[in-house]
C-alpha atoms as a PDB file:
ATOM      1  CA  MET A   1      27.781   3.687  38.079  1.00  0.00           C
ATOM      2  CA  LYS A   2      25.960   0.829  39.819  1.00  0.00           C
ATOM      3  CA  ARG A   3      22.867   3.001  40.171  1.00  0.00           C
ATOM      4  CA  PHE A   4      22.947   3.859  36.467  1.00  0.00           C
ATOM      5  CA  PHE A   5      23.314   0.174  35.538  1.00  0.00           C
ATOM      6  CA  LEU A   6      20.351  -0.789  37.786  1.00  0.00           C
ATOM      7  CA  SER A   7      18.198   2.037  36.350  1.00  0.00           C
ATOM      8  CA  THR A   8      18.969   0.892  32.821  1.00  0.00           C
ATOM      9  CA  ILE A   9      18.092  -2.697  33.657  1.00  0.00           C
ATOM     10  CA  PHE A  10      14.828  -1.487  35.272  1.00  0.00           C
ATOM     11  CA  LEU A  11      13.821   0.596  32.257  1.00  0.00           C
ATOM     12  CA  LEU A  12      14.612  -2.223  29.848  1.00  0.00           C
ATOM     13  CA  THR A  13      12.546  -4.596  31.941  1.00  0.00           C
ATOM     14  CA  VAL A  14       9.605  -2.219  32.138  1.00  0.00           C
ATOM     15  CA  SER A  15       9.818  -1.615  28.305  1.00  0.00           C
ATOM     16  CA  ALA A  16       9.877  -5.357  27.691  1.00  0.00           C
ATOM     17  CA  VAL A  17       6.890  -5.979  29.964  1.00  0.00           C
ATOM     18  CA  THR A  18       4.960  -3.086  28.370  1.00  0.00           C
ATOM     19  CA  TYR A  19       5.713  -4.395  24.860  1.00  0.00           C
ATOM     20  CA  ALA A  20       4.673  -7.901  25.828  1.00  0.00           C
ATOM     21  CA  GLU A  21       1.434  -6.663  27.317  1.00  0.00           C
ATOM     22  CA  ALA A  22       0.701  -4.539  24.193  1.00  0.00           C
ATOM     23  CA  ALA A  23       1.432  -7.532  21.921  1.00  0.00           C
ATOM     24  CA  ALA A  24      -0.846  -9.776  24.034  1.00  0.00           C
ATOM     25  CA  SER A  25      -3.590  -7.141  23.857  1.00  0.00           C
ATOM     26  CA  ARG A  26      -3.298  -6.954  20.114  1.00  0.00           C
ATOM     27  CA  ASP A  27      -3.328 -10.715  19.745  1.00  0.00           C
ATOM     28  CA  SER A  28      -6.447 -10.890  21.890  1.00  0.00           C
ATOM     29  CA  LEU A  29      -8.146  -8.188  19.753  1.00  0.00           C
ATOM     30  CA  TRP A  30      -7.136  -9.968  16.545  1.00  0.00           C
ATOM     31  CA  ASN A  31      -8.332 -13.380  17.691  1.00  0.00           C
ATOM     32  CA  SER A  32     -11.686 -12.021  18.917  1.00  0.00           C
ATOM     33  CA  ALA A  33     -12.195 -10.041  15.659  1.00  0.00           C
ATOM     34  CA  VAL A  34     -11.376 -13.149  13.556  1.00  0.00           C
ATOM     35  CA  ALA A  35     -13.747 -15.253  15.681  1.00  0.00           C
ATOM     36  CA  ALA A  36     -16.538 -12.694  15.259  1.00  0.00           C
ATOM     37  CA  TYR A  37     -15.909 -12.629  11.461  1.00  0.00           C
ATOM     38  CA  SER A  38     -16.034 -16.460  11.311  1.00  0.00           C
ATOM     39  CA  ALA A  39     -19.319 -16.300  13.212  1.00  0.00           C
ATOM     40  CA  ALA A  40     -20.699 -13.821  10.655  1.00  0.00           C
ATOM     41  CA  ASP A  41     -20.888 -11.078  13.305  1.00  0.00           C
ATOM     42  CA  TYR A  42     -19.384  -8.606  10.926  1.00  0.00           C
ATOM     43  CA  PRO A  43     -20.049  -5.372  12.968  1.00  0.00           C
ATOM     44  CA  ALA A  44     -18.197  -6.864  15.964  1.00  0.00           C
ATOM     45  CA  ALA A  45     -15.358  -8.038  13.714  1.00  0.00           C
ATOM     46  CA  LEU A  46     -15.102  -4.557  12.171  1.00  0.00           C
ATOM     47  CA  GLU A  47     -15.004  -2.964  15.624  1.00  0.00           C
ATOM     48  CA  GLY A  48     -12.130  -5.227  16.637  1.00  0.00           C
ATOM     49  CA  PHE A  49     -10.124  -4.686  13.460  1.00  0.00           C
ATOM     50  CA  LEU A  50     -10.560  -0.920  13.690  1.00  0.00           C
ATOM     51  CA  ALA A  51      -9.445  -0.990  17.334  1.00  0.00           C
ATOM     52  CA  LEU A  52      -6.208  -2.674  16.143  1.00  0.00           C
ATOM     53  CA  GLU A  53      -5.734   0.095  13.564  1.00  0.00           C
ATOM     54  CA  GLN A  54      -6.243   2.757  16.278  1.00  0.00           C
ATOM     55  CA  GLU A  55      -3.518   1.050  18.322  1.00  0.00           C
ATOM     56  CA  GLY A  56      -1.116   1.650  15.466  1.00  0.00           C
ATOM     57  CA  VAL A  57      -1.172  -1.656  13.634  1.00  0.00           C
ATOM     58  CA  ARG A  58      -0.535  -1.025   9.914  1.00  0.00           C
ATOM     59  CA  THR A  59      -0.303  -4.310   8.017  1.00  0.00           C
ATOM     60  CA  PRO A  60      -1.725  -5.499   4.705  1.00  0.00           C
ATOM     61  CA  ASP A  61      -3.608  -8.323   6.412  1.00  0.00           C
ATOM     62  CA  LEU A  62      -5.336  -5.921   8.822  1.00  0.00           C
ATOM     63  CA  TYR A  63      -6.348  -3.573   6.022  1.00  0.00           C
ATOM     64  CA  TYR A  64      -7.582  -6.524   3.998  1.00  0.00           C
ATOM     65  CA  ASN A  65      -9.743  -7.818   6.852  1.00  0.00           C
ATOM     66  CA  ILE A  66     -11.144  -4.316   7.543  1.00  0.00           C
ATOM     67  CA  GLY A  67     -12.095  -4.131   3.860  1.00  0.00           C
ATOM     68  CA  ASN A  68     -13.744  -7.540   4.080  1.00  0.00           C
ATOM     69  CA  ALA A  69     -15.720  -6.563   7.218  1.00  0.00           C
ATOM     70  CA  TYR A  70     -16.928  -3.338   5.599  1.00  0.00           C
ATOM     71  CA  TYR A  71     -17.881  -5.280   2.464  1.00  0.00           C
ATOM     72  CA  LYS A  72     -19.837  -7.816   4.469  1.00  0.00           C
ATOM     73  CA  CYS A  73     -21.597  -5.122   6.519  1.00  0.00           C
ATOM     74  CA  GLY A  74     -23.026  -3.679   3.300  1.00  0.00           C
ATOM     75  CA  HIS A  75     -23.602  -0.058   2.306  1.00  0.00           C
ATOM     76  CA  CYS A  76     -19.884   0.599   2.815  1.00  0.00           C
ATOM     77  CA  VAL A  77     -18.540   0.474  -0.724  1.00  0.00           C
ATOM     78  CA  GLY A  78     -16.233   3.432  -0.238  1.00  0.00           C
ATOM     79  CA  LYS A  79     -14.692   2.100   2.975  1.00  0.00           C
ATOM     80  CA  SER A  80     -14.167  -1.400   1.564  1.00  0.00           C
ATOM     81  CA  ILE A  81     -12.465  -0.003  -1.515  1.00  0.00           C
ATOM     82  CA  LEU A  82     -10.390   2.324   0.647  1.00  0.00           C
ATOM     83  CA  TYR A  83      -9.007  -0.473   2.778  1.00  0.00           C
ATOM     84  CA  TYR A  84      -8.417  -2.843  -0.108  1.00  0.00           C
ATOM     85  CA  GLU A  85      -6.447  -0.044  -1.713  1.00  0.00           C
ATOM     86  CA  ARG A  86      -4.483   0.424   1.524  1.00  0.00           C
ATOM     87  CA  ALA A  87      -3.689  -3.284   1.623  1.00  0.00           C
ATOM     88  CA  LEU A  88      -2.339  -3.109  -1.940  1.00  0.00           C
ATOM     89  CA  LYS A  89      -0.453   0.073  -1.150  1.00  0.00           C
ATOM     90  CA  ALA A  90       1.332  -1.794   1.618  1.00  0.00           C
ATOM     91  CA  ASP A  91       1.821  -4.934  -0.462  1.00  0.00           C
ATOM     92  CA  PRO A  92       1.183  -4.648  -4.201  1.00  0.00           C
ATOM     93  CA  SER A  93       1.538  -8.383  -4.604  1.00  0.00           C
ATOM     94  CA  PHE A  94      -1.521  -9.077  -2.343  1.00  0.00           C
ATOM     95  CA  GLU A  95      -3.589 -10.954  -4.886  1.00  0.00           C
ATOM     96  CA  ASP A  96      -6.604 -11.576  -2.642  1.00  0.00           C
ATOM     97  CA  ALA A  97      -6.903  -7.865  -1.934  1.00  0.00           C
ATOM     98  CA  ARG A  98      -6.679  -7.172  -5.631  1.00  0.00           C
ATOM     99  CA  ASN A  99      -9.503  -9.635  -6.400  1.00  0.00           C
ATOM    100  CA  ASN A 100     -11.739  -8.311  -3.637  1.00  0.00           C
ATOM    101  CA  LEU A 101     -11.053  -4.767  -4.751  1.00  0.00           C
ATOM    102  CA  ALA A 102     -12.320  -5.639  -8.192  1.00  0.00           C
ATOM    103  CA  MET A 103     -15.541  -7.092  -6.664  1.00  0.00           C
ATOM    104  CA  ALA A 104     -16.070  -4.032  -4.474  1.00  0.00           C
ATOM    105  CA  ARG A 105     -15.571  -1.672  -7.429  1.00  0.00           C
ATOM    106  CA  ALA A 106     -18.347  -3.493  -9.297  1.00  0.00           C
ATOM    107  CA  TYR A 107     -20.757  -1.895  -6.787  1.00  0.00           C
ATOM    108  CA  ALA A 108     -19.441   1.607  -7.317  1.00  0.00           C
ATOM    109  CA  LEU A 109     -21.639   3.745  -9.490  1.00  0.00           C
ATOM    110  CA  ASP A 110     -18.894   5.528 -11.468  1.00  0.00           C
ATOM    111  CA  LYS A 111     -17.338   3.514 -14.278  1.00  0.00           C
ATOM    112  CA  ILE A 112     -14.538   5.858 -15.405  1.00  0.00           C
ATOM    113  CA  ASP A 113     -12.251   5.029 -18.299  1.00  0.00           C
ATOM    114  CA  THR A 114      -8.517   5.154 -17.714  1.00  0.00           C
ATOM    115  CA  VAL A 115      -6.113   7.019 -19.977  1.00  0.00           C
ATOM    116  CA  PRO A 116      -4.063   4.298 -21.684  1.00  0.00           C
ATOM    117  CA  GLU A 117      -0.496   3.867 -20.546  1.00  0.00           C
ATOM    118  CA  PHE A 118       2.580   3.076 -22.560  1.00  0.00           C
ATOM    119  CA  VAL A 119       2.749  -0.749 -22.891  1.00  0.00           C
ATOM    120  CA  LEU A 120       6.266  -0.988 -21.499  1.00  0.00           C
ATOM    121  CA  LEU A 121       5.316   1.134 -18.491  1.00  0.00           C
ATOM    122  CA  SER A 122       2.323  -1.112 -17.767  1.00  0.00           C
ATOM    123  CA  TRP A 123       4.537  -4.173 -18.025  1.00  0.00           C
ATOM    124  CA  LEU A 124       7.107  -2.744 -15.645  1.00  0.00           C
ATOM    125  CA  LYS A 125       4.385  -1.881 -13.111  1.00  0.00           C
ATOM    126  CA  ALA A 126       3.000  -5.435 -13.361  1.00  0.00           C
ATOM    127  CA  VAL A 127       6.500  -6.875 -12.715  1.00  0.00           C
ATOM    128  CA  ARG A 128       7.050  -4.481  -9.804  1.00  0.00           C
ATOM    129  CA  SER A 129       3.755  -5.475  -8.237  1.00  0.00           C
ATOM    130  CA  SER A 130       4.530  -9.194  -8.464  1.00  0.00           C
ATOM    131  CA  LEU A 131       6.585  -9.092  -5.258  1.00  0.00           C
ATOM    132  CA  PRO A 132       6.607  -6.920  -2.100  1.00  0.00           C
ATOM    133  CA  SER A 133       9.342  -4.311  -1.606  1.00  0.00           C
ATOM    134  CA  ASP A 134      11.182  -6.322   1.043  1.00  0.00           C
ATOM    135  CA  THR A 135      11.528  -9.246  -1.336  1.00  0.00           C
ATOM    136  CA  TRP A 136      12.809  -6.961  -4.075  1.00  0.00           C
ATOM    137  CA  ALA A 137      15.417  -5.612  -1.616  1.00  0.00           C
ATOM    138  CA  VAL A 138      16.573  -9.113  -0.727  1.00  0.00           C
ATOM    139  CA  LEU A 139      16.806 -10.041  -4.373  1.00  0.00           C
ATOM    140  CA  CYS A 140      18.914  -6.914  -4.978  1.00  0.00           C
ATOM    141  CA  LEU A 141      21.417  -8.090  -2.338  1.00  0.00           C
ATOM    142  CA  VAL A 142      21.469 -11.606  -3.753  1.00  0.00           C
ATOM    143  CA  MET A 143      22.042 -10.375  -7.317  1.00  0.00           C
ATOM    144  CA  PHE A 144      24.749  -7.991  -6.147  1.00  0.00           C
ATOM    145  CA  ALA A 145      26.508 -10.828  -4.338  1.00  0.00           C
ATOM    146  CA  ALA A 146      26.256 -12.913  -7.475  1.00  0.00           C
ATOM    147  CA  PHE A 147      27.720  -9.996  -9.415  1.00  0.00           C
ATOM    148  CA  LEU A 148      30.719  -9.835  -7.067  1.00  0.00           C
ATOM    149  CA  ILE A 149      31.295 -13.551  -7.324  1.00  0.00           C
ATOM    150  CA  SER A 150      31.120 -13.430 -11.127  1.00  0.00           C
ATOM    151  CA  LEU A 151      33.514 -10.465 -11.095  1.00  0.00           C
ATOM    152  CA  PHE A 152      35.934 -12.475  -8.975  1.00  0.00           C
ATOM    153  CA  PHE A 153      35.966 -15.441 -11.357  1.00  0.00           C
ATOM    154  CA  PHE A 154      36.232 -13.030 -14.344  1.00  0.00           C
ATOM    155  CA  ARG A 155      39.310 -11.407 -12.766  1.00  0.00           C
ATOM    156  CA  PHE A 156      41.081 -14.579 -11.604  1.00  0.00           C
ATOM    157  CA  GLY A 157      39.786 -17.149 -14.087  1.00  0.00           C
ATOM    158  CA  SER A 158      42.537 -19.224 -15.692  1.00  0.00           C
ATOM    159  CA  ARG A 159      40.867 -19.731 -19.080  1.00  0.00           C
ATOM    160  CA  THR A 160      39.745 -17.023 -21.505  1.00  0.00           C
ATOM    161  CA  ALA A 161      36.488 -18.753 -22.340  1.00  0.00           C
ATOM    162  CA  VAL A 162      35.605 -19.034 -18.612  1.00  0.00           C
ATOM    163  CA  ARG A 163      36.427 -15.372 -18.064  1.00  0.00           C
ATOM    164  CA  LYS A 164      34.175 -14.325 -20.951  1.00  0.00           C
ATOM    165  CA  TRP A 165      31.292 -16.369 -19.485  1.00  0.00           C
ATOM    166  CA  PHE A 166      31.663 -14.792 -16.088  1.00  0.00           C
ATOM    167  CA  PHE A 167      31.963 -11.322 -17.536  1.00  0.00           C
ATOM    168  CA  GLY A 168      28.539 -11.895 -19.189  1.00  0.00           C
ATOM    169  CA  PHE A 169      27.187 -13.206 -15.845  1.00  0.00           C
ATOM    170  CA  ALA A 170      28.522 -10.110 -14.068  1.00  0.00           C
ATOM    171  CA  CYS A 171      26.771  -7.811 -16.521  1.00  0.00           C
ATOM    172  CA  LEU A 172      23.505  -9.736 -16.144  1.00  0.00           C
ATOM    173  CA  PHE A 173      23.595  -9.779 -12.362  1.00  0.00           C
ATOM    174  CA  VAL A 174      24.388  -6.089 -12.037  1.00  0.00           C
ATOM    175  CA  VAL A 175      21.416  -5.259 -14.298  1.00  0.00           C
ATOM    176  CA  LEU A 176      19.156  -7.522 -12.201  1.00  0.00           C
ATOM    177  CA  ALA A 177      20.448  -5.972  -8.971  1.00  0.00           C
ATOM    178  CA  GLY A 178      19.804  -2.468 -10.262  1.00  0.00           C
ATOM    179  CA  SER A 179      16.335  -3.464 -11.467  1.00  0.00           C
ATOM    180  CA  SER A 180      15.466  -5.050  -8.125  1.00  0.00           C
ATOM    181  CA  LEU A 181      16.701  -2.023  -6.286  1.00  0.00           C
ATOM    182  CA  GLY A 182      14.635   0.221  -8.564  1.00  0.00           C
ATOM    183  CA  PHE A 183      11.483  -1.815  -7.956  1.00  0.00           C
ATOM    184  CA  ALA A 184      12.034  -1.799  -4.160  1.00  0.00           C
ATOM    185  CA  LEU A 185      12.550   2.010  -4.055  1.00  0.00           C
ATOM    186  CA  SER A 186       9.615   2.586  -6.421  1.00  0.00           C
ATOM    187  CA  GLN A 187       7.306   0.556  -4.157  1.00  0.00           C
ATOM    188  CA  LYS A 188       8.648   2.410  -1.116  1.00  0.00           C
ATOM    189  CA  PHE A 189       7.875   5.739  -2.811  1.00  0.00           C
ATOM    190  CA  GLU A 190       4.357   4.560  -3.728  1.00  0.00           C
ATOM    191  CA  SER A 191       3.669   3.468  -0.180  1.00  0.00           C
ATOM    192  CA  GLU A 192       4.527   6.964   1.123  1.00  0.00           C
ATOM    193  CA  ARG A 193       2.434   8.881  -1.380  1.00  0.00           C
ATOM    194  CA  THR A 194      -0.515  10.898   0.062  1.00  0.00           C
ATOM    195  CA  ASP A 195      -1.988  12.175  -3.208  1.00  0.00           C
ATOM    196  CA  LYS A 196      -4.451   9.317  -3.875  1.00  0.00           C
ATOM    197  CA  ALA A 197      -7.855   9.162  -2.239  1.00  0.00           C
ATOM    198  CA  VAL A 198     -11.280   7.598  -2.405  1.00  0.00           C
ATOM    199  CA  VAL A 199     -14.645   9.369  -2.364  1.00  0.00           C
ATOM    200  CA  MET A 200     -16.436   8.579   0.866  1.00  0.00           C
ATOM    201  CA  VAL A 201     -19.816  10.322   0.451  1.00  0.00           C
ATOM    202  CA  PRO A 202     -22.727   9.095  -1.748  1.00  0.00           C
ATOM    203  CA  VAL A 203     -22.466  12.080  -4.096  1.00  0.00           C
ATOM    204  CA  SER A 204     -19.857  14.871  -4.532  1.00  0.00           C
ATOM    205  CA  SER A 205     -19.909  17.676  -7.025  1.00  0.00           C
ATOM    206  CA  ALA A 206     -16.668  18.831  -8.629  1.00  0.00           C
ATOM    207  CA  LYS A 207     -16.523  22.635  -9.044  1.00  0.00           C
ATOM    208  CA  SER A 208     -14.575  24.875 -11.346  1.00  0.00           C
ATOM    209  CA  SER A 209     -13.219  26.841  -8.372  1.00  0.00           C
ATOM    210  CA  PRO A 210     -12.637  26.109  -4.658  1.00  0.00           C
ATOM    211  CA  ASN A 211     -15.959  27.515  -3.484  1.00  0.00           C
ATOM    212  CA  ASN A 212     -19.640  26.749  -3.681  1.00  0.00           C
ATOM    213  CA  ASN A 213     -20.181  29.489  -6.265  1.00  0.00           C
ATOM    214  CA  GLY A 214     -18.039  27.685  -8.846  1.00  0.00           C
ATOM    215  CA  GLN A 215     -19.603  25.989 -11.824  1.00  0.00           C
ATOM    216  CA  SER A 216     -20.419  22.325 -11.312  1.00  0.00           C
ATOM    217  CA  LEU A 217     -18.237  20.350 -13.748  1.00  0.00           C
ATOM    218  CA  PHE A 218     -19.181  16.784 -12.985  1.00  0.00           C
ATOM    219  CA  VAL A 219     -20.537  14.572 -10.217  1.00  0.00           C
ATOM    220  CA  ILE A 220     -18.706  11.630  -8.654  1.00  0.00           C
ATOM    221  CA  HIS A 221     -19.958   8.959  -6.281  1.00  0.00           C
ATOM    222  CA  GLU A 222     -18.804   6.885  -3.346  1.00  0.00           C
ATOM    223  CA  GLY A 223     -15.909   4.536  -4.042  1.00  0.00           C
ATOM    224  CA  THR A 224     -14.346   6.510  -6.906  1.00  0.00           C
ATOM    225  CA  ASP A 225     -10.545   6.836  -6.904  1.00  0.00           C
ATOM    226  CA  VAL A 226      -9.141  10.341  -7.345  1.00  0.00           C
ATOM    227  CA  ASN A 227      -5.667  11.923  -7.474  1.00  0.00           C
ATOM    228  CA  ILE A 228      -5.165  14.993  -5.348  1.00  0.00           C
ATOM    229  CA  LEU A 229      -3.378  17.741  -7.280  1.00  0.00           C
ATOM    230  CA  ASP A 230      -3.710  20.716  -4.885  1.00  0.00           C
ATOM    231  CA  GLU A 231      -5.342  21.827  -1.652  1.00  0.00           C
ATOM    232  CA  LEU A 232      -6.784  25.198  -0.716  1.00  0.00           C
ATOM    233  CA  GLY A 233      -8.550  25.597   2.625  1.00  0.00           C
ATOM    234  CA  GLU A 234     -11.442  23.113   2.794  1.00  0.00           C
ATOM    235  CA  TRP A 235     -11.156  22.233  -0.902  1.00  0.00           C
ATOM    236  CA  SER A 236      -9.022  19.808  -2.899  1.00  0.00           C
ATOM    237  CA  ARG A 237      -8.364  19.906  -6.628  1.00  0.00           C
ATOM    238  CA  ILE A 238      -8.684  16.345  -7.882  1.00  0.00           C
ATOM    239  CA  GLU A 239      -8.159  14.468 -11.139  1.00  0.00           C
ATOM    240  CA  LEU A 240      -9.992  11.383 -12.325  1.00  0.00           C
ATOM    241  CA  SER A 241      -8.420   8.479 -14.179  1.00  0.00           C
ATOM    242  CA  ASP A 242      -9.900   9.860 -17.438  1.00  0.00           C
ATOM    243  CA  GLY A 243      -8.122  13.202 -17.006  1.00  0.00           C
ATOM    244  CA  ARG A 244     -11.031  15.363 -15.767  1.00  0.00           C
ATOM    245  CA  GLN A 245     -10.206  17.822 -12.989  1.00  0.00           C
ATOM    246  CA  GLY A 246     -12.210  19.846 -10.510  1.00  0.00           C
ATOM    247  CA  TRP A 247     -12.467  21.103  -6.936  1.00  0.00           C
ATOM    248  CA  ILE A 248     -14.331  19.121  -4.298  1.00  0.00           C
ATOM    249  CA  VAL A 249     -14.763  19.483  -0.484  1.00  0.00           C
ATOM    250  CA  THR A 250     -11.782  17.752   1.174  1.00  0.00           C
ATOM    251  CA  LYS A 251     -13.969  16.052   3.784  1.00  0.00           C
ATOM    252  CA  ASP A 252     -15.686  14.153   0.937  1.00  0.00           C
ATOM    253  CA  ILE A 253     -12.553  12.072   0.329  1.00  0.00           C
ATOM    254  CA  GLU A 254     -10.129  10.010   2.359  1.00  0.00           C
ATOM    255  CA  ILE A 255      -6.435   9.462   1.729  1.00  0.00           C
ATOM    256  CA  ILE A 256      -5.473   5.870   0.787  1.00  0.00           C
END
């Protein structure tokens, strides 16, 4: 028993030391990359930020800074758009990433119209993107607690008028709690999607079939967003925001 206890303590200590060393290494990489970026040494900054990504760091701030470094390096429109998109995928409320994405897209060759959405759906998406998923989850808990409190006063209130007021509050809070939960789950689902990608090559030709013998339907360029509908071997069937579909080589795109 004593040996087991000592072994457990030893393993916990080793794990804590390893974690601390890894955290210190990441902090050092981050600080050096930020310093290089501030000194306008964008290739060195990019190298440092990418090293952090390779170590498993997946944060909106890191993606945002990688996008900035690619943008400053020039000739990397596709990569900068990709990482701004990843930052927004991790945190849809990241306004700086949204603004920089718009600037990067201005350099993309393809200007593709988007199929109009139902106004209410667009409004709901805008509200959902106003806060990160963790904040929506916290709001859900707060609204649910307020619902329970209102329900308590409705049940045990001494006056009829007061009970009516708290019944109305209870209805309101339960709707807000459900909406917050829905927004949090929707953002979580969006963050786990793997069917959106960005074109990474200067030019890619969309074919009518998943082979080089297929008819060329249209041409797309670096930085264009696509939805992946299907995959077959080395080919992916993609759809553009205007509804056009075709098959392109999978290596020409990268998942957001």
